């Protein structure tokens, strides 16, 4: 559903995916070159928060989610400060588990 590397500028970036329900999905985030970034995942239609947190340099987050409503979801990433800015890299993957 999503498999990308983000080289975002300082500030906010977003990725979107549609979830049809019934099967679990896995979200993997990896901070591969940023001092830290905030992340938030939520359902756009129902304003349901899935998860949020902070990843420091070289940290990863991976979790399987079940029982969430179908609809549009948004992953928001916020990089507040960075030196040098050219090192900003985030790996994002969202996949269905059948």
Protein backbone atom coordinates (compact mmCIF):
# COMPACT_ATOMS: atom_id res chain seq x y z
CA UNK A 1 0.00 0.00 0.00
CA UNK A 2 2.90 2.36 0.83
CA UNK A 3 6.60 1.67 0.36
CA UNK A 4 8.63 4.84 0.09
CA UNK A 5 11.63 6.74 1.33
CA UNK A 6 10.93 10.32 2.27
CA UNK A 7 13.62 12.97 2.05
CA UNK A 8 11.36 15.64 3.45
CA UNK A 9 12.29 19.19 4.25
CA UNK A 10 12.02 20.49 7.78
CA UNK A 11 8.32 20.70 8.57
CA UNK A 12 5.40 18.38 7.93
CA UNK A 13 5.01 15.66 5.30
CA UNK A 14 2.11 13.25 4.77
CA UNK A 15 1.40 9.87 3.17
CA UNK A 16 -2.06 8.45 2.61
CA UNK A 17 -3.48 4.96 2.21
CA UNK A 18 -6.94 3.40 1.89
CA UNK A 19 -7.84 0.46 4.09
CA UNK A 20 -10.71 -1.87 3.11
CA UNK A 21 -10.97 -3.55 6.52
CA UNK A 22 -11.17 -7.24 7.51
CA UNK A 23 -7.43 -8.07 7.34
CA UNK A 24 -4.65 -6.81 9.63
CA UNK A 25 -2.18 -4.26 8.34
CA UNK A 26 1.42 -3.61 9.37
CA UNK A 27 3.05 -0.20 9.58
CA UNK A 28 6.84 0.06 9.56
CA UNK A 29 8.68 3.37 10.06
CA UNK A 30 12.45 3.71 10.10
CA UNK A 31 14.50 6.82 10.84
CA UNK A 32 17.55 6.39 8.60
CA UNK A 33 19.15 9.82 8.75
CA UNK A 34 17.27 12.32 10.88
CA UNK A 35 18.01 13.38 14.46
CA UNK A 36 14.36 12.81 15.38
CA UNK A 37 10.89 13.14 13.95
CA UNK A 38 7.35 13.02 15.26
CA UNK A 39 4.87 10.68 13.61
CA UNK A 40 1.10 10.33 13.83
CA UNK A 41 -1.20 7.86 12.12
CA UNK A 42 -4.98 8.41 12.04
CA UNK A 43 -8.15 7.56 10.18
CA UNK A 44 -9.20 10.62 8.17
CA UNK A 45 -12.91 9.71 7.93
CA UNK A 46 -13.57 8.93 11.59
CA UNK A 47 -10.74 10.97 13.19
CA UNK A 48 -9.57 7.77 14.90
CA UNK A 49 -6.00 8.00 16.19
CA UNK A 50 -4.05 4.83 15.47
CA UNK A 51 -0.69 5.68 17.03
CA UNK A 52 1.78 8.52 17.50
CA UNK A 53 5.31 8.92 18.85
CA UNK A 54 8.87 10.07 18.22
CA UNK A 55 11.67 8.19 16.47
CA UNK A 56 15.24 9.19 17.26
CA UNK A 57 18.13 8.61 14.85
CA UNK A 58 18.36 4.98 13.65
CA UNK A 59 15.24 3.90 15.57
CA UNK A 60 12.38 1.94 14.01
CA UNK A 61 8.72 1.33 14.73
CA UNK A 62 6.81 -1.70 13.51
CA UNK A 63 3.36 -2.85 14.58
CA UNK A 64 0.48 -4.95 13.29
CA UNK A 65 -2.98 -3.39 13.62
CA UNK A 66 -6.31 -5.25 13.65
CA UNK A 67 -9.92 -4.22 14.00
CA UNK A 68 -9.63 -0.70 12.63
CA UNK A 69 -12.45 0.75 10.53
CA UNK A 70 -12.11 0.85 6.77
CA UNK A 71 -11.44 4.21 5.18
CA UNK A 72 -8.68 6.67 4.40
CA UNK A 73 -5.68 6.90 6.70
CA UNK A 74 -2.95 9.51 6.90
CA UNK A 75 0.60 9.20 8.21
CA UNK A 76 2.02 12.56 9.26
CA UNK A 77 5.74 13.13 9.83
CA UNK A 78 7.14 16.28 11.39
CA UNK A 79 10.84 17.17 11.39
CA UNK A 80 11.37 20.15 13.69
CA UNK A 81 15.13 20.76 13.56
CA UNK A 82 17.94 19.20 11.65
CA UNK A 83 21.63 19.69 10.99
CA UNK A 84 22.46 19.35 8.19
CA UNK A 85 19.03 19.35 6.53
CA UNK A 86 20.28 17.14 3.70
CA UNK A 87 20.35 14.12 6.05
CA UNK A 88 16.57 13.86 6.41
CA UNK A 89 15.50 10.32 5.46
CA UNK A 90 12.50 8.33 6.63
CA UNK A 91 11.45 4.90 5.35
CA UNK A 92 7.73 4.19 5.44
CA UNK A 93 5.96 0.92 4.66
CA UNK A 94 2.30 -0.05 5.07
CA UNK A 95 1.27 -3.54 4.01
CA UNK A 96 -1.76 -5.80 4.33
CA UNK A 97 -1.24 -9.15 6.07
CA UNK A 98 -3.30 -11.91 4.47
